[in-house]
Each structure stands twice: as structure tokens, then as C-alpha cells.
Amino acid sequence: MEQDLRKQRMLNDPIRKVIPAMAIPTIVAFLINSIYSLADTYFVSGLGTNATAAVSVNASLDQLIMMCGSLLAVGANSYIARLLGKGQDEKASRVLSTAFFLALIIGTALLIVGSVWMLPMVRLLGATPTCERYSVEYATYVLLAAPFMASSFVLNQCLRSEGSAMLSMIGMGFGGILNCVLDPIFIFGLEMGVAGASLATAISKVVSFAILVFPYITKRSLLRLSIKNFRPSRDIMKEIVTVGASSMFRSGLAVAAGILLNDMAGNISDSVLAGIGVSTKIMMFPFSIILGFGTGFQPVAGFNWGAERYDRVRESYRFSSVVALAGAVVMAAVLAIFADPIIVAFAGADPEMRQIGGLCIILQCISLPVHAWVAVVNMYCNGLGNAAGAFLLATARQGTCFIPILFPMASMFGAYGIASVQAVADVLTLLLAIPIAVYMAKKVANAEKNKGILL
């Protein structure tokens, strides 16, 4: 009965209620995730600028692990939502199982490779000679959790695709809270330093995995997770990879952009490297809210697209665009006002770290409304299976609109150029998003006109 109610809510509840109901738990989970990511940085900052820089470097490692799961998770999310909308529950379960076990295998491979070539890996990620020791300490335990992190991403996304956003929130949220509790105990209480922050993160990720897998192994979800359902058939892999590739490339480009940014910032000083890293983690808060809202919107659009409820598809997009823009304006104003006191909490007596970090926050606040709307358009493409549009937008922010301008801006303006590049790239993504949004409007209109014909 509960499973049938979930389907009915996706198809019949007012859009202004169903999207927030899907999005709010996801936003809360992402915010908690941002908090414990920032908690690592905050507690480690007490060990000095070099240790803070090391945590900033290893943010790229987190992105690399996420990339392992994002290809499978985002593609599975989109395909499962459409299959459930069509009533094909059994095939949706096969998609889940295939994505989950493949993510587990890929995460294990990353664990092995990263552990064997640990020092070259952290150097590649941008560690400077003065912070590479801390980077190795932090990477050690995080890598051990890589298989759980990659497969948790699949579980998390697939719970949302079936309308179980609350279960997803509990899994991510509890792990995040646990991380915040364990950080000071391991870092200072047990005197483990940076390694303590890494161990706290690894434990929290494993606990999150256990919570997220629980609904599946106890059969409390719409979908069924089983090794018997592991069938990487051509049609399933095509659907997963076609849509999920955009997310994978986005994560991959984020890793590449992070490495380049770390390398350029580190060449100036550890203070600039730490300032860019801390400001990036602070901006994860509004980004998490935007991503969480978009992630709540995506399965609603996809579910109704699969059920041929095109009126609700359009309404969900309009509602999400307005809310995302309004929310971004408010968040940007508040964060810009308090940018300096926030960065001071991490920079301490380091004036260069304070100046560069504060500038980076303010500039990204200015571009935040653009980022919010582009994220909605991106999720719209994902939800409706428009792989090309999703790919272009997903790879723009830290790829095609970021990397080409990074070198000239760093060359002309030094540390200030490095602090400005993400905000400029966000504005440039608007040039791609507008024509894609127009195309999506036509796609929905044509589908409604020729209802029953798969485009």
C-alpha cells in the first residue's frame, strides 16, 4: 500500500507539494554532508595552514570517488524513474542491482590502485612538498571507504528515484552527524591529527552505506536489490551510460579543474591554496541546497514523463525554476554579507588566506542565481533522458567554461584571477543553458502533441 501511495503522489499530488517533499530531505542530507566536509577543514585548520591545504587537495579525491559512482547512479536514477512511471517495476530492480554491483567493483579497483600509488596520487591531485605528508595521511582511510562511497551514491540516487527521499536523507544525514562527532575525538582526543579526520570520514561513509542498503535488504523499498538481478545487458547499460555519462564527465572535469586549481594556487603559496579550498567548501552550502532541490525535481519530471503526464512535466520545471532563482538570490545576499567573518574562522591570523577566500566567496555569490537556474535545466535534461543536453551543461561549469579561462586569468591576475575563475565560468554557462531550455520546451510540447509516441 505504501509503495502504491508513493506512485500516486508522484502522479497526482500538487507539484508545489510533491517537489518540496522530495527535495527537502535531499537538501537536508546534502547540507549535513557539507557540514561534515567543512568540519574536517575546521578542526584540521587548528593544525596549521599546511594541514588545511592538504584537506583542500584531498577534496579532489572525494570527487574522484564520486565520479566512480556518478556514471551509474545518475543514469540509473533517470532510467528507474521513467520505468516506474511506466509500471515496469521488475526491470527497474534489474537496473538498480546492475548499477550497485558495478559501482562496488569500480570503487574496489580505485581502492587498490590508490593504495599502491599513494604518494604519486596526492602529488597529482596538487599536494605541495610542504603538505604532501598530510595529504597521504588523509587519503589513506578515505580510500578504504571508496567501495562503500561509490555504491552508496547509487543507493542514494535510486531511493530518490522511487520517491523515498526521506530514507535517503536518513542515510546521508546520520553519517554526516557521526563524522562531526568523531572529528574532534580522533584529531585531538586520540591525537591522530589529519589521519583522525580521514578515519572519521571513512567510518561515517560506511555507516551511511549500511543505513542506505537497509531498505533494500529488508524489502521496504519499491525496488529489489539482488545479485540475481545483476544483468548488465546492452539496453540497460546503454540507458545508464547515455544519461549518466554527463554526471561522470562533470565529476571528472571537477577533478581535473580541482587539480589544476590546486596546482596554480599551490605555486603561489599554501595560504592561497588553503583559501581557495576553504571558500569552495563554504560555497558547498548554497550549492548543496541547489543540487538537493534539483535532485528532488528530477525524478518528479522523469516519473511524469514516463507516465505521459506532460502537463505536470512543464509545471514541475516552471515551479523549480522560480524557486531556485528566488532561493539563490536570498542565499547569495546573506552569504556575501557574512563572507569575511566566516573565512576568518578558518584563516585565523593568515591575512592572505582571508583575503583570497573572502573574494572567492563574494564573487561566487554574485553568480549564484545563474548557477541555480542552469542546475534546474541540467536536471530537467537528466529527468527526461536528454543525454546530450545534460552532458553539455554538466561539463560546462568546471570544464568547457572553466578550464579554457583558468590559465589566462591566473596569468593576468595571479591569485585574484584564480579566486575569480569559478564565478566567471558560472556566468558563461548561461550561454549554453538558454538554447537547451528552449529545446526542452519544444521536446515536451511535441511529445504532448503526439502523445504515445516515444521521441
Protein backbone atom coordinates (compact mmCIF):
# COMPACT_ATOMS: atom_id res chain seq x y z
CA MET A 1 0.00 0.00 0.00
CA GLU A 2 2.81 2.40 0.91
CA GLN A 3 4.54 1.69 -2.39
CA ASP A 4 1.35 2.41 -4.35
CA LEU A 5 0.90 5.65 -2.43
CA ARG A 6 4.37 6.78 -3.47
CA LYS A 7 3.47 6.30 -7.12
CA GLN A 8 0.19 8.15 -6.71
CA ARG A 9 1.91 11.07 -5.00
CA MET A 10 4.33 11.42 -7.90
CA LEU A 11 1.44 11.49 -10.41
CA ASN A 12 -1.35 13.30 -8.61
CA ASP A 13 -0.17 15.45 -5.69
CA PRO A 14 0.20 19.19 -6.43
CA ILE A 15 3.62 19.97 -7.87
CA ARG A 16 4.17 22.70 -5.27
CA LYS A 17 3.89 19.99 -2.61
CA VAL A 18 5.48 16.93 -4.21
CA ILE A 19 8.74 18.60 -5.29
CA PRO A 20 9.45 20.15 -1.86
CA ALA A 21 8.52 16.82 -0.26
CA MET A 22 11.14 15.15 -2.46
CA ALA A 23 13.67 17.96 -2.26
CA ILE A 24 13.71 18.94 1.42
CA PRO A 25 15.04 15.60 2.74
CA THR A 26 17.66 15.63 -0.02
CA ILE A 27 18.64 19.22 0.78
CA VAL A 28 18.98 18.36 4.47
CA ALA A 29 21.15 15.36 3.62
CA PHE A 30 23.37 17.39 1.31
CA LEU A 31 23.69 20.16 3.90
CA ILE A 32 24.75 17.68 6.54
CA ASN A 33 27.24 16.28 4.04
CA SER A 34 28.58 19.82 3.51
CA ILE A 35 28.77 20.39 7.25
CA TYR A 36 30.92 17.37 7.93
CA SER A 37 33.12 18.18 4.93
CA LEU A 38 33.61 21.64 6.38
CA ALA A 39 34.01 20.18 9.87
CA ASP A 40 37.07 18.26 8.68
CA THR A 41 38.55 21.50 7.40
CA TYR A 42 37.62 23.45 10.53
CA PHE A 43 39.15 21.01 13.01
CA VAL A 44 42.20 20.40 10.83
CA SER A 45 42.75 24.18 10.49
CA GLY A 46 43.81 24.09 14.14
CA LEU A 47 46.86 22.09 13.00
CA GLY A 48 48.08 24.90 10.70
CA THR A 49 47.79 26.22 7.14
CA ASN A 50 49.71 23.28 5.63
CA ALA A 51 47.26 20.77 7.10
CA THR A 52 44.31 22.85 5.86
CA ALA A 53 45.83 22.92 2.38
CA ALA A 54 46.15 19.12 2.48
CA VAL A 55 42.44 18.67 3.18
CA SER A 56 41.69 21.05 0.29
CA VAL A 57 43.85 18.90 -2.00
CA ASN A 58 42.02 15.74 -0.98
CA ALA A 59 38.67 17.25 -1.92
CA SER A 60 39.65 16.14 -5.43
CA LEU A 61 39.97 12.57 -4.14
CA ASP A 62 36.38 12.72 -2.90
CA GLN A 63 35.35 13.97 -6.34
CA LEU A 64 37.25 11.10 -7.95
CA ILE A 65 35.41 8.53 -5.84
CA MET A 66 32.13 10.28 -6.61
CA MET A 67 32.93 10.05 -10.30
CA CYS A 68 33.17 6.27 -9.95
CA GLY A 69 29.58 6.12 -8.72
CA SER A 70 28.01 9.06 -10.54
CA LEU A 71 28.03 7.49 -14.01
CA LEU A 72 25.97 4.58 -12.71
CA ALA A 73 23.93 6.41 -10.07
CA VAL A 74 22.60 9.34 -12.08
CA GLY A 75 21.91 7.21 -15.15
CA ALA A 76 20.12 4.61 -13.03
CA ASN A 77 18.11 7.32 -11.25
CA SER A 78 16.79 8.73 -14.52
CA TYR A 79 16.03 5.34 -16.10
CA ILE A 80 14.40 3.90 -12.96
CA ALA A 81 12.11 6.93 -12.55
CA ARG A 82 10.92 6.55 -16.15
CA LEU A 83 10.47 2.77 -15.80
CA LEU A 84 8.44 3.17 -12.60
CA GLY A 85 6.30 5.79 -14.32
CA LYS A 86 5.55 3.16 -17.00
CA GLY A 87 4.85 0.47 -14.37
CA GLN A 88 7.93 -1.64 -15.22
CA ASP A 89 9.00 -2.32 -11.62
CA GLU A 90 10.85 -5.58 -12.28
CA LYS A 91 13.11 -4.07 -14.90
CA ALA A 92 13.73 -1.09 -12.60
CA SER A 93 15.05 -3.52 -9.98
CA ARG A 94 17.43 -5.01 -12.52
CA VAL A 95 18.74 -1.53 -13.29
CA LEU A 96 19.32 -0.86 -9.56
CA SER A 97 21.19 -4.14 -8.97
CA THR A 98 23.33 -3.72 -12.06
CA ALA A 99 24.36 -0.17 -11.12
CA PHE A 100 25.01 -1.08 -7.47
CA PHE A 101 27.32 -4.03 -8.04
CA LEU A 102 29.22 -2.30 -10.82
CA ALA A 103 29.82 0.69 -8.50
CA LEU A 104 31.08 -1.68 -5.80
CA ILE A 105 33.55 -3.22 -8.26
CA ILE A 106 34.79 0.15 -9.55
CA GLY A 107 35.20 1.54 -6.01
CA THR A 108 37.26 -1.51 -5.05
CA ALA A 109 39.51 -1.01 -8.08
CA LEU A 110 40.10 2.61 -7.06
CA LEU A 111 40.99 1.47 -3.54
CA ILE A 112 43.64 -0.91 -4.86
CA VAL A 113 45.17 1.49 -7.39
CA GLY A 114 45.19 4.46 -4.98
CA SER A 115 46.75 2.44 -2.16
CA VAL A 116 49.56 1.12 -4.36
CA TRP A 117 50.43 4.54 -5.82
CA MET A 118 49.52 6.74 -2.85
CA LEU A 119 52.29 9.35 -2.99
CA PRO A 120 52.17 9.90 -6.78
CA MET A 121 48.38 10.18 -6.47
CA VAL A 122 48.37 13.00 -3.88
CA ARG A 123 51.07 14.83 -5.85
CA LEU A 124 48.93 14.53 -8.95
CA LEU A 125 45.97 15.94 -7.01
CA GLY A 126 48.02 19.08 -6.29
CA ALA A 127 49.80 18.45 -2.98
CA THR A 128 52.79 20.71 -2.43
CA PRO A 129 56.02 19.43 -0.81
CA THR A 130 55.03 21.16 2.44
CA CYS A 131 51.62 19.50 2.68
CA GLU A 132 52.03 16.13 0.90
CA ARG A 133 52.64 14.26 4.17
CA TYR A 134 49.28 15.44 5.48
CA SER A 135 47.66 14.60 2.13
CA VAL A 136 48.88 10.99 2.37
CA GLU A 137 47.54 10.70 5.92
CA TYR A 138 44.12 11.96 4.86
CA ALA A 139 43.89 9.83 1.72
CA THR A 140 44.76 6.57 3.50
CA TYR A 141 41.47 5.92 5.32
CA VAL A 142 39.25 7.63 2.76
CA LEU A 143 40.45 5.18 0.11
CA LEU A 144 39.48 2.25 2.33
CA ALA A 145 35.90 3.51 2.23
CA ALA A 146 35.90 4.02 -1.56
CA PRO A 147 33.81 0.91 -2.44
CA PHE A 148 31.15 1.92 0.10
CA MET A 149 31.16 5.54 -1.05
CA ALA A 150 30.73 4.66 -4.73
CA SER A 151 27.93 2.16 -4.14
CA SER A 152 26.22 4.42 -1.57
CA PHE A 153 25.89 7.04 -4.28
CA VAL A 154 23.89 4.54 -6.35
CA LEU A 155 21.67 3.56 -3.40
CA ASN A 156 21.09 7.20 -2.55
CA GLN A 157 20.07 8.20 -6.06
CA CYS A 158 17.85 5.17 -6.59
CA LEU A 159 15.96 5.73 -3.33
CA ARG A 160 15.11 9.20 -4.60
CA SER A 161 14.04 7.88 -8.00
CA GLU A 162 11.30 5.81 -6.33
CA GLY A 163 10.14 8.70 -4.14
CA SER A 164 11.91 7.63 -0.91
CA ALA A 165 13.78 10.87 -0.33
CA MET A 166 13.35 10.63 3.45
CA LEU A 167 15.19 7.29 3.61
CA SER A 168 17.95 8.80 1.51
CA MET A 169 18.20 11.75 3.91
CA ILE A 170 18.48 9.49 6.95
CA GLY A 171 21.31 7.52 5.37
CA MET A 172 23.36 10.53 4.37
CA GLY A 173 22.42 12.65 7.38
CA PHE A 174 23.30 10.19 10.12
CA GLY A 175 26.71 9.54 8.61
CA GLY A 176 27.38 13.27 8.44
CA ILE A 177 26.43 13.87 12.06
CA LEU A 178 28.61 10.95 13.13
CA ASN A 179 31.55 12.46 11.25
CA CYS A 180 31.19 15.77 13.10
CA VAL A 181 31.17 13.91 16.44
CA LEU A 182 34.18 11.73 15.62
CA ASP A 183 36.39 14.50 14.16
CA PRO A 184 37.47 16.19 17.44
CA ILE A 185 37.72 12.82 19.19
CA PHE A 186 40.13 11.36 16.64
CA ILE A 187 42.01 14.54 15.70
CA PHE A 188 42.62 15.91 19.20
CA GLY A 189 41.41 13.33 21.74
CA LEU A 190 43.37 10.46 20.23
CA GLU A 191 46.00 12.84 18.80
CA MET A 192 45.73 11.34 15.32
CA GLY A 193 45.87 14.71 13.56
CA VAL A 194 44.91 14.73 9.88
CA ALA A 195 44.67 10.92 9.86
CA GLY A 196 41.95 11.23 12.51
CA ALA A 197 39.83 13.40 10.22
CA SER A 198 40.27 10.80 7.47
CA LEU A 199 39.31 7.90 9.75
CA ALA A 200 36.21 9.79 10.98
CA THR A 201 35.15 10.35 7.37
CA ALA A 202 35.70 6.71 6.42
CA ILE A 203 33.67 5.40 9.36
CA SER A 204 30.81 7.79 8.62
CA LYS A 205 30.71 6.68 4.98
CA VAL A 206 30.50 3.01 5.95
CA VAL A 207 27.69 3.75 8.41
CA SER A 208 25.81 5.70 5.72
CA PHE A 209 26.18 2.73 3.38
CA ALA A 210 24.70 0.37 5.99
CA ILE A 211 21.69 2.65 6.50
CA LEU A 212 21.08 3.15 2.77
CA VAL A 213 21.26 -0.56 1.95
CA PHE A 214 18.91 -1.48 4.81
CA PRO A 215 15.58 -0.69 2.99
CA TYR A 216 16.69 -2.88 0.10
CA ILE A 217 17.78 -5.94 2.03
CA THR A 218 14.64 -5.76 4.23
CA LYS A 219 12.41 -5.29 1.13
CA ARG A 220 10.94 -2.00 2.33
CA SER A 221 11.60 -0.29 -0.99
CA LEU A 222 9.84 -0.36 -4.34
CA LEU A 223 12.96 -1.83 -5.92
CA ARG A 224 14.69 -5.12 -5.14
CA LEU A 225 18.46 -5.34 -4.73
CA SER A 226 19.83 -8.79 -5.50
CA ILE A 227 22.85 -10.35 -7.15
CA LYS A 228 20.33 -12.35 -9.20
CA ASN A 229 19.17 -9.08 -10.73
CA PHE A 230 22.70 -8.14 -11.76
CA ARG A 231 22.28 -8.10 -15.52
CA PRO A 232 24.49 -5.61 -17.35
CA SER A 233 22.55 -6.14 -20.58
CA ARG A 234 23.08 -3.91 -23.57
CA ASP A 235 19.81 -1.99 -23.24
CA ILE A 236 20.27 -1.31 -19.50
CA MET A 237 23.88 -0.22 -19.87
CA LYS A 238 23.00 1.99 -22.82
CA GLU A 239 20.33 3.85 -20.85
CA ILE A 240 22.52 4.17 -17.74
CA VAL A 241 25.64 5.28 -19.57
CA THR A 242 23.86 7.60 -22.00
CA VAL A 243 22.39 9.76 -19.24
CA GLY A 244 24.96 9.04 -16.53
CA ALA A 245 27.92 9.97 -18.73
CA SER A 246 27.10 13.64 -18.22
CA SER A 247 27.44 13.29 -14.47
CA MET A 248 30.60 11.22 -14.77
CA PHE A 249 32.24 13.78 -17.04
CA ARG A 250 31.07 16.55 -14.71
CA SER A 251 32.77 14.82 -11.78
CA GLY A 252 35.80 14.03 -13.92
CA LEU A 253 36.14 17.62 -15.03
CA ALA A 254 35.64 18.75 -11.44
CA VAL A 255 38.61 16.56 -10.50
CA ALA A 256 40.69 17.94 -13.38
CA ALA A 257 39.68 21.52 -12.59
CA GLY A 258 40.44 20.97 -8.91
CA ILE A 259 43.88 19.58 -9.68
CA LEU A 260 44.72 22.48 -11.99
CA LEU A 261 43.38 24.99 -9.46
CA ASN A 262 45.32 23.38 -6.61
CA ASP A 263 48.48 23.32 -8.68
CA MET A 264 48.26 27.01 -9.63
CA ALA A 265 47.24 28.13 -6.14
CA GLY A 266 49.96 26.00 -4.54
CA ASN A 267 52.58 27.56 -6.82
CA ILE A 268 51.73 30.93 -5.26
CA SER A 269 51.53 29.81 -1.61
CA ASP A 270 49.88 27.33 0.75
CA SER A 271 47.79 30.27 2.03
CA VAL A 272 46.22 30.79 -1.41
CA LEU A 273 45.70 27.03 -1.78
CA ALA A 274 44.01 26.86 1.64
CA GLY A 275 41.91 29.98 0.95
CA ILE A 276 40.56 28.61 -2.33
CA GLY A 277 39.90 25.23 -0.73
CA VAL A 278 38.06 26.64 2.29
CA SER A 279 35.93 29.02 0.19
CA THR A 280 34.98 26.11 -2.07
CA LYS A 281 33.78 24.10 0.91
CA ILE A 282 31.84 27.08 2.28
CA MET A 283 30.11 27.52 -1.08
CA MET A 284 29.10 23.88 -0.89
CA PHE A 285 26.26 25.01 1.39
CA PRO A 286 24.28 27.00 -1.21
CA PHE A 287 25.39 24.56 -3.90
CA SER A 288 24.04 21.68 -1.79
CA ILE A 289 20.68 23.38 -1.44
CA ILE A 290 20.50 23.99 -5.19
CA LEU A 291 21.62 20.45 -6.03
CA GLY A 292 19.26 18.96 -3.44
CA PHE A 293 16.34 20.91 -4.84
CA GLY A 294 17.21 19.91 -8.39
CA THR A 295 17.62 16.29 -7.35
CA GLY A 296 14.13 16.42 -5.82
CA PHE A 297 12.75 17.89 -9.04
CA GLN A 298 14.45 15.43 -11.43
CA PRO A 299 12.58 12.20 -10.52
CA VAL A 300 9.25 14.04 -10.46
CA ALA A 301 9.84 15.26 -14.01
CA GLY A 302 11.13 11.85 -15.12
CA PHE A 303 8.31 9.88 -13.46
CA ASN A 304 5.63 12.05 -15.08
CA TRP A 305 7.45 11.97 -18.42
CA GLY A 306 7.36 8.18 -18.33
CA ALA A 307 3.65 8.29 -17.41
CA GLU A 308 2.99 10.77 -20.28
CA ARG A 309 1.75 13.46 -17.88
CA TYR A 310 3.28 16.30 -19.86
CA ASP A 311 1.27 18.99 -18.12
CA ARG A 312 2.96 18.05 -14.85
CA VAL A 313 6.36 17.87 -16.53
CA ARG A 314 6.02 21.50 -17.65
CA GLU A 315 4.61 22.63 -14.34
CA SER A 316 7.43 20.98 -12.39
CA TYR A 317 10.03 22.79 -14.49
CA ARG A 318 8.37 26.21 -14.12
CA PHE A 319 7.95 25.79 -10.37
CA SER A 320 11.55 24.62 -9.90
CA SER A 321 13.00 27.47 -11.97
CA VAL A 322 11.20 30.16 -9.97
CA VAL A 323 12.01 28.65 -6.57
CA ALA A 324 15.67 28.02 -7.47
CA LEU A 325 16.22 31.58 -8.68
CA ALA A 326 14.50 33.18 -5.69
CA GLY A 327 16.33 30.96 -3.23
CA ALA A 328 19.70 31.65 -4.85
CA VAL A 329 19.23 35.42 -4.60
CA VAL A 330 18.45 35.20 -0.88
CA MET A 331 21.33 32.80 -0.13
CA ALA A 332 23.80 34.90 -2.11
CA ALA A 333 22.88 38.09 -0.27
CA VAL A 334 23.20 36.52 3.18
CA LEU A 335 26.47 34.72 2.45
CA ALA A 336 28.10 37.75 0.82
CA ILE A 337 27.34 39.89 3.89
CA PHE A 338 28.96 37.40 6.26
CA ALA A 339 31.78 36.28 3.95
CA ASP A 340 34.60 37.89 5.92
CA PRO A 341 33.71 36.66 9.44
CA ILE A 342 33.12 33.16 8.03
CA ILE A 343 36.51 32.93 6.34
CA VAL A 344 38.25 34.39 9.42
CA ALA A 345 37.08 31.37 11.45
CA PHE A 346 39.34 29.23 9.24
CA ALA A 347 42.12 31.65 8.29
CA GLY A 348 42.97 32.83 11.80
CA ALA A 349 45.93 35.20 11.58
CA ASP A 350 46.72 34.40 7.92
CA PRO A 351 45.82 37.62 6.00
CA GLU A 352 46.45 36.20 2.52
CA MET A 353 44.18 33.22 3.11
CA ARG A 354 41.49 35.58 4.48
CA GLN A 355 41.69 37.97 1.52
CA ILE A 356 41.64 35.35 -1.26
CA GLY A 357 39.00 33.18 0.42
CA GLY A 358 36.68 36.13 1.06
CA LEU A 359 36.97 37.37 -2.52
CA CYS A 360 36.21 33.92 -3.90
CA ILE A 361 33.03 33.67 -1.78
CA ILE A 362 31.71 37.10 -2.77
CA LEU A 363 32.26 36.56 -6.49
CA GLN A 364 30.56 33.17 -6.46
CA CYS A 365 27.62 34.70 -4.58
CA ILE A 366 27.18 37.16 -7.45
CA SER A 367 26.96 34.32 -9.98
CA LEU A 368 24.86 32.03 -7.74
CA PRO A 369 21.43 32.76 -9.35
CA VAL A 370 22.85 31.77 -12.75
CA HIS A 371 24.24 28.56 -11.30
CA ALA A 372 20.86 27.76 -9.73
CA TRP A 373 18.83 28.07 -12.93
CA VAL A 374 21.41 26.21 -15.03
CA ALA A 375 21.29 23.37 -12.46
CA VAL A 376 17.50 23.12 -12.89
CA VAL A 377 17.83 22.94 -16.68
CA ASN A 378 20.52 20.27 -16.26
CA MET A 379 18.25 18.17 -14.00
CA TYR A 380 15.41 18.67 -16.49
CA CYS A 381 17.55 17.12 -19.22
CA ASN A 382 18.54 14.24 -16.93
CA GLY A 383 14.96 13.56 -15.88
CA LEU A 384 13.64 13.40 -19.43
CA GLY A 385 16.58 11.40 -20.76
CA ASN A 386 18.11 14.17 -22.90
CA ALA A 387 21.67 12.91 -22.64
CA ALA A 388 23.18 15.49 -25.00
CA GLY A 389 21.75 18.48 -23.13
CA ALA A 390 22.64 17.01 -19.75
CA PHE A 391 26.19 16.35 -20.96
CA LEU A 392 26.73 19.87 -22.28
CA LEU A 393 25.52 21.52 -19.09
CA ALA A 394 27.12 19.07 -16.69
CA THR A 395 30.53 19.50 -18.28
CA ALA A 396 30.34 23.29 -18.68
CA ARG A 397 30.74 24.67 -15.15
CA GLN A 398 34.11 23.07 -14.40
CA GLY A 399 35.00 22.04 -17.90
CA THR A 400 34.32 23.83 -21.17
CA CYS A 401 33.55 27.15 -19.47
CA PHE A 402 36.20 26.79 -16.75
CA ILE A 403 39.44 25.22 -17.97
CA PRO A 404 39.91 27.47 -21.07
CA ILE A 405 39.79 30.64 -18.94
CA LEU A 406 41.76 29.34 -15.94
CA PHE A 407 45.25 29.77 -17.38
CA PRO A 408 44.77 33.27 -18.85
CA MET A 409 43.05 34.56 -15.72
CA ALA A 410 45.75 33.12 -13.45
CA SER A 411 48.46 34.52 -15.73
CA MET A 412 46.97 38.02 -15.90
CA PHE A 413 45.64 38.44 -12.36
CA GLY A 414 47.53 35.89 -10.25
CA ALA A 415 45.78 34.84 -7.04
CA TYR A 416 42.87 37.18 -7.76
CA GLY A 417 42.32 35.53 -11.14
CA ILE A 418 42.32 32.09 -9.53
CA ALA A 419 39.75 33.30 -6.99
CA SER A 420 37.53 34.71 -9.78
CA VAL A 421 37.58 31.91 -12.34
CA GLN A 422 34.66 29.82 -10.99
CA ALA A 423 32.29 32.81 -10.88
CA VAL A 424 33.16 33.79 -14.44
CA ALA A 425 32.67 30.20 -15.61
CA ASP A 426 29.23 30.09 -13.96
CA VAL A 427 28.11 33.14 -15.94
CA LEU A 428 29.40 31.64 -19.19
CA THR A 429 27.28 28.50 -18.68
CA LEU A 430 24.21 30.66 -19.26
CA LEU A 431 25.11 30.84 -22.95
CA LEU A 432 24.62 27.07 -23.18
CA ALA A 433 21.62 26.77 -20.89
CA ILE A 434 19.28 29.17 -22.71
CA PRO A 435 19.11 27.31 -26.08
CA ILE A 436 18.93 23.94 -24.28
CA ALA A 437 15.97 25.17 -22.18
CA VAL A 438 14.21 26.28 -25.39
CA TYR A 439 14.84 22.86 -26.95
CA MET A 440 13.42 21.09 -23.89
CA ALA A 441 10.25 23.17 -24.03
CA LYS A 442 9.77 22.11 -27.66
CA LYS A 443 10.50 18.47 -26.78
CA VAL A 444 7.72 18.39 -24.19
CA ALA A 445 5.30 20.24 -26.49
CA ASN A 446 5.95 17.78 -29.33
CA ALA A 447 5.55 14.78 -27.04
CA GLU A 448 2.21 16.09 -25.80
CA LYS A 449 1.07 16.75 -29.35
CA ASN A 450 2.00 13.22 -30.40
CA LYS A 451 1.09 11.52 -27.14
CA GLY A 452 2.08 7.87 -27.00
CA ILE A 453 4.94 8.24 -29.49
CA LEU A 454 8.37 7.78 -27.94
CA LEU A 455 10.65 10.62 -29.08
